[in-house]
Amino acid sequence: MNVYDFDKTVYLRDSSIDFYVYNLKNDWTILRFFPRQIVAMIRYKLKLIPKTQMKQTFYRYMSTITNMDERVSGFWSTHKTYLQDFYMNQKKKDDVIISASPTFLLQPLIDEWGCILIASVVDPKTGHTEENCWGPEKVKRFSQKYPLHSIDEFYSDSLSDTPLANHAKSAFFVTGTKVKAWPKQ
């Protein structure tokens, strides 16, 4: 099976940020969350809080969205243009998309494609975030469902995914629209 990171790999940009901006365009009142979001991002960068806590603070704006399914559908109707051609041309039903983005945000695409999703569990009504599916957590979450040796090809844009890339028969590093061999370390 082939395993793909989502943001900046299958999707050219960061879907969580794009979804935030999309929601901001639909409802400027979510700007009231911005001061806390910035403080959380600074505290995370200073290593004062874990990434999961920072993301939970960032996602709190979701509590004001009453029609989340419609918002997600509207988002993908305008943002599918950012899906990478290389992935769309080679996707298979047994692909695993593994991402730090929220499950509810990516699930409509996964349902359409018929493949498998492992992502961060975020409550779309509150923004409450369980463990962020990032770095070593991806290895843990993947290995709960599949043997690590079952990864034929792995694709990601981030060296934080090296723990999972190390288990693949072949690993590829995605930079923009370019796909090349995983960097030697």
Protein backbone atom coordinates (compact mmCIF):
# COMPACT_ATOMS: atom_id res chain seq x y z
CA MET A 1 0.00 0.00 0.00
CA ASN A 2 1.04 3.60 -0.57
CA VAL A 3 0.86 6.16 2.23
CA TYR A 4 0.58 9.91 1.73
CA ASP A 5 0.75 12.92 3.98
CA PHE A 6 -2.03 15.32 2.96
CA ASP A 7 -1.08 18.97 3.43
CA LYS A 8 1.59 20.20 1.02
CA THR A 9 1.78 16.67 -0.39
CA VAL A 10 -1.59 15.54 -1.80
CA TYR A 11 -2.98 19.05 -1.30
CA LEU A 12 -0.64 21.82 -2.43
CA ARG A 13 -1.30 24.01 0.59
CA ASP A 14 -2.31 23.67 4.27
CA SER A 15 -5.98 22.66 4.32
CA SER A 16 -6.56 23.73 7.95
CA ILE A 17 -5.31 27.26 7.25
CA ASP A 18 -7.22 27.43 3.96
CA PHE A 19 -10.38 26.24 5.75
CA TYR A 20 -9.90 28.94 8.41
CA VAL A 21 -9.54 31.64 5.74
CA TYR A 22 -12.58 30.24 3.92
CA ASN A 23 -14.59 30.46 7.14
CA LEU A 24 -13.27 33.94 7.82
CA LYS A 25 -14.57 35.07 4.43
CA ASN A 26 -17.98 33.64 5.36
CA ASP A 27 -18.03 35.05 8.90
CA TRP A 28 -15.75 37.86 10.01
CA THR A 29 -16.86 37.43 13.64
CA ILE A 30 -14.43 34.53 14.05
CA LEU A 31 -11.68 37.18 14.16
CA ARG A 32 -12.48 37.43 17.88
CA PHE A 33 -10.52 34.18 18.30
CA PHE A 34 -7.43 35.58 16.57
CA PRO A 35 -5.67 37.05 19.65
CA ARG A 36 -5.81 33.70 21.49
CA GLN A 37 -4.74 31.86 18.33
CA ILE A 38 -1.66 34.08 17.97
CA VAL A 39 -0.75 33.69 21.64
CA ALA A 40 -1.08 29.90 21.36
CA MET A 41 1.11 29.84 18.24
CA ILE A 42 3.79 31.92 19.98
CA ARG A 43 3.64 29.73 23.09
CA TYR A 44 3.99 26.64 20.87
CA LYS A 45 6.98 28.11 19.01
CA LEU A 46 8.60 28.88 22.39
CA LYS A 47 7.96 25.23 23.38
CA LEU A 48 5.70 26.27 26.26
CA ILE A 49 2.74 24.21 25.08
CA PRO A 50 2.45 21.06 22.94
CA LYS A 51 1.26 21.19 19.33
CA THR A 52 -2.05 19.52 20.20
CA GLN A 53 -2.88 22.30 22.69
CA MET A 54 -1.95 24.98 20.16
CA LYS A 55 -4.18 23.37 17.53
CA GLN A 56 -7.06 23.04 19.98
CA THR A 57 -6.85 26.77 20.69
CA PHE A 58 -6.68 27.49 16.96
CA TYR A 59 -9.75 25.32 16.25
CA ARG A 60 -11.96 26.95 18.92
CA TYR A 61 -13.47 29.19 16.24
CA MET A 62 -15.30 26.09 14.96
CA SER A 63 -17.72 26.32 17.89
CA THR A 64 -19.43 29.25 16.10
CA ILE A 65 -20.08 27.37 12.84
CA THR A 66 -23.59 25.95 12.89
CA ASN A 67 -23.57 24.34 9.44
CA MET A 68 -20.21 22.57 9.44
CA ASP A 69 -21.12 19.91 6.86
CA GLU A 70 -22.20 22.64 4.43
CA ARG A 71 -19.04 24.65 5.15
CA VAL A 72 -16.81 21.65 4.48
CA SER A 73 -18.70 20.87 1.28
CA GLY A 74 -18.47 24.48 0.13
CA PHE A 75 -14.78 24.57 0.96
CA TRP A 76 -13.97 21.52 -1.16
CA SER A 77 -16.12 22.78 -4.03
CA THR A 78 -13.73 25.73 -4.32
CA HIS A 79 -10.43 24.18 -3.18
CA LYS A 80 -10.10 20.90 -5.12
CA THR A 81 -7.98 22.83 -7.60
CA TYR A 82 -5.14 22.58 -5.06
CA LEU A 83 -5.04 18.79 -5.22
CA GLN A 84 -1.74 17.61 -6.70
CA ASP A 85 -1.86 16.13 -10.21
CA PHE A 86 0.76 13.52 -9.35
CA TYR A 87 -1.53 12.10 -6.66
CA MET A 88 -4.75 12.35 -8.64
CA ASN A 89 -3.07 10.44 -11.49
CA GLN A 90 -1.78 7.58 -9.32
CA LYS A 91 -4.30 7.26 -6.46
CA LYS A 92 -5.54 3.79 -5.57
CA LYS A 93 -8.30 2.41 -3.37
CA ASP A 94 -5.83 0.98 -0.85
CA ASP A 95 -3.96 4.29 -0.36
CA VAL A 96 -3.71 5.59 3.18
CA ILE A 97 -3.86 9.35 3.68
CA ILE A 98 -2.31 10.19 7.05
CA SER A 99 -2.61 13.76 8.21
CA ALA A 100 -2.50 16.18 11.10
CA SER A 101 -5.54 17.91 9.60
CA PRO A 102 -8.96 17.19 11.10
CA THR A 103 -10.69 13.98 10.06
CA PHE A 104 -14.01 15.74 9.43
CA LEU A 105 -12.33 18.14 6.97
CA LEU A 106 -10.69 15.43 4.86
CA GLN A 107 -13.33 12.70 5.13
CA PRO A 108 -15.49 13.93 2.22
CA LEU A 109 -12.54 13.59 -0.19
CA ILE A 110 -11.61 10.20 1.22
CA ASP A 111 -15.19 9.00 0.82
CA GLU A 112 -15.14 10.20 -2.79
CA TRP A 113 -11.81 8.49 -3.50
CA GLY A 114 -12.64 5.30 -1.58
CA CYS A 115 -9.28 5.13 0.19
CA ILE A 116 -8.33 5.13 3.89
CA LEU A 117 -7.88 8.09 6.25
CA ILE A 118 -5.90 8.40 9.45
CA ALA A 119 -6.07 11.98 10.74
CA SER A 120 -6.37 14.14 13.83
CA VAL A 121 -9.64 13.67 15.66
CA VAL A 122 -11.12 17.14 16.09
CA ASP A 123 -14.66 17.77 17.30
CA PRO A 124 -16.15 20.06 14.63
CA LYS A 125 -18.58 21.52 17.17
CA THR A 126 -16.02 22.54 19.79
CA GLY A 127 -12.56 22.35 18.23
CA HIS A 128 -11.52 19.88 20.94
CA THR A 129 -8.53 18.00 19.60
CA GLU A 130 -7.32 14.57 20.59
CA GLU A 131 -3.64 13.79 20.04
CA ASN A 132 -2.43 15.59 16.91
CA CYS A 133 -1.58 13.07 14.18
CA TRP A 134 1.92 14.41 13.48
CA GLY A 135 5.51 13.08 13.45
CA PRO A 136 5.96 9.99 15.66
CA GLU A 137 2.21 9.96 16.36
CA LYS A 138 1.68 9.01 12.70
CA VAL A 139 3.77 5.87 13.22
CA LYS A 140 1.75 4.98 16.32
CA ARG A 141 -1.61 5.60 14.64
CA PHE A 142 -0.64 3.75 11.43
CA SER A 143 0.70 0.74 13.34
CA GLN A 144 -2.59 0.43 15.25
CA LYS A 145 -4.28 -0.41 11.93
CA TYR A 146 -1.58 -1.91 9.71
CA PRO A 147 1.84 -3.53 9.97
CA LEU A 148 4.57 -0.96 9.40
CA HIS A 149 6.27 -3.21 6.84
CA SER A 150 3.18 -2.94 4.59
CA ILE A 151 4.13 0.53 3.31
CA ASP A 152 5.34 0.25 -0.28
CA GLU A 153 5.70 3.97 -1.02
CA PHE A 154 5.49 6.94 1.33
CA TYR A 155 5.09 10.59 0.26
CA SER A 156 5.43 13.71 2.42
CA ASP A 157 6.64 17.30 2.31
CA SER A 158 8.05 17.26 5.84
CA LEU A 159 11.07 15.75 7.53
CA SER A 160 8.87 15.45 10.65
CA ASP A 161 7.47 12.40 8.82
CA THR A 162 10.87 10.67 8.72
CA PRO A 163 9.77 8.17 11.42
CA LEU A 164 7.08 6.86 9.03
CA ALA A 165 9.23 7.24 5.90
CA ASN A 166 11.82 4.97 7.53
CA HIS A 167 9.31 2.10 7.43
CA ALA A 168 8.52 2.41 3.72
CA LYS A 169 10.17 0.36 0.99
CA SER A 170 10.49 3.66 -0.93
CA ALA A 171 9.97 7.19 0.36
CA PHE A 172 9.49 10.39 -1.61
CA PHE A 173 9.84 14.02 -0.62
CA VAL A 174 7.36 16.48 -2.11
CA THR A 175 8.34 20.11 -2.61
CA GLY A 176 5.61 22.09 -4.32
CA THR A 177 4.79 20.05 -7.42
CA LYS A 178 8.16 18.23 -7.47
CA VAL A 179 8.51 14.67 -6.17
CA LYS A 180 11.99 13.29 -5.47
CA ALA A 181 13.68 10.62 -3.36
CA TRP A 182 13.54 11.07 0.42
CA PRO A 183 16.63 12.96 1.66
CA LYS A 184 19.43 10.83 3.13
CA GLN A 185 20.11 11.56 6.77
